[in-house]
Amino acid sequence: MGEVRSEVLLRNFVSVGAARKGYIKLSDIESVKLDMVVDTGAVMVLLPQDIVEKLDLEISGKVVV
């Protein structure tokens, strides 16, 4: 079986909510486009630390993988 890849746009969901309420401009939403391997059965996303920092994501927990 082959590898499934897709270009994805990731955005900080907290910033998306703030933009919808008018607290920030849409252009201020942290976002990044990445070419990623897609696992159709996955239940979580694994992101490199530099992307987590670029998107200013809040860590809610850690899982050893």
Protein backbone atom coordinates (compact mmCIF):
# COMPACT_ATOMS: atom_id res chain seq x y z
CA MET A 1 0.00 0.00 0.00
CA GLY A 2 1.25 3.51 -0.77
CA GLU A 3 1.68 6.59 1.33
CA VAL A 4 -1.17 9.12 1.40
CA ARG A 5 -0.05 12.77 1.56
CA SER A 6 -1.96 16.03 1.51
CA GLU A 7 -1.21 19.73 1.78
CA VAL A 8 -3.01 20.99 4.88
CA LEU A 9 -3.65 24.43 6.35
CA LEU A 10 -3.30 24.49 10.12
CA ARG A 11 -4.63 27.46 12.13
CA ASN A 12 -4.76 28.33 15.80
CA PHE A 13 -8.41 27.64 16.69
CA VAL A 14 -8.36 30.07 19.63
CA SER A 15 -7.34 32.85 17.22
CA VAL A 16 -10.06 31.81 14.77
CA GLY A 17 -12.64 32.25 17.56
CA ALA A 18 -11.17 35.62 18.53
CA ALA A 19 -11.40 36.76 14.90
CA ARG A 20 -15.02 35.65 14.63
CA LYS A 21 -15.84 37.75 17.70
CA GLY A 22 -13.97 40.72 16.26
CA TYR A 23 -11.13 40.78 18.81
CA ILE A 24 -8.44 40.34 16.15
CA LYS A 25 -8.24 40.66 12.37
CA LEU A 26 -8.47 37.56 10.17
CA SER A 27 -4.98 38.36 8.89
CA ASP A 28 -3.64 38.00 12.46
CA ILE A 29 -4.61 34.31 12.74
CA GLU A 30 -1.52 32.14 13.05
CA SER A 31 -1.45 29.64 10.19
CA VAL A 32 0.93 27.37 8.31
CA LYS A 33 0.61 25.14 5.21
CA LEU A 34 2.32 21.77 5.44
CA ASP A 35 2.68 18.71 3.25
CA MET A 36 1.72 15.91 5.65
CA VAL A 37 1.36 12.14 5.69
CA VAL A 38 -2.30 11.27 6.22
CA ASP A 39 -3.28 8.34 8.43
CA THR A 40 -7.00 7.84 7.81
CA GLY A 41 -7.37 5.97 11.11
CA ALA A 42 -5.51 8.48 13.28
CA VAL A 43 -7.16 10.04 16.33
CA MET A 44 -4.52 12.71 17.02
CA VAL A 45 -2.07 14.91 15.14
CA LEU A 46 1.67 14.82 15.72
CA LEU A 47 3.32 18.20 15.07
CA PRO A 48 6.95 19.27 15.30
CA GLN A 49 7.75 21.66 18.18
CA ASP A 50 8.64 24.53 15.83
CA ILE A 51 5.18 24.36 14.22
CA VAL A 52 3.49 24.27 17.65
CA GLU A 53 5.43 27.42 18.58
CA LYS A 54 4.73 29.15 15.25
CA LEU A 55 0.99 28.55 15.69
CA ASP A 56 1.21 29.59 19.37
CA LEU A 57 -0.68 26.45 20.38
CA GLU A 58 -1.47 25.74 24.02
CA ILE A 59 -0.25 22.34 25.24
CA SER A 60 -3.13 20.50 26.88
CA GLY A 61 -1.17 17.32 27.57
CA LYS A 62 1.63 15.08 26.33
CA VAL A 63 1.52 11.54 25.00
CA VAL A 64 4.52 9.30 24.43
CA VAL A 65 4.40 7.93 20.89
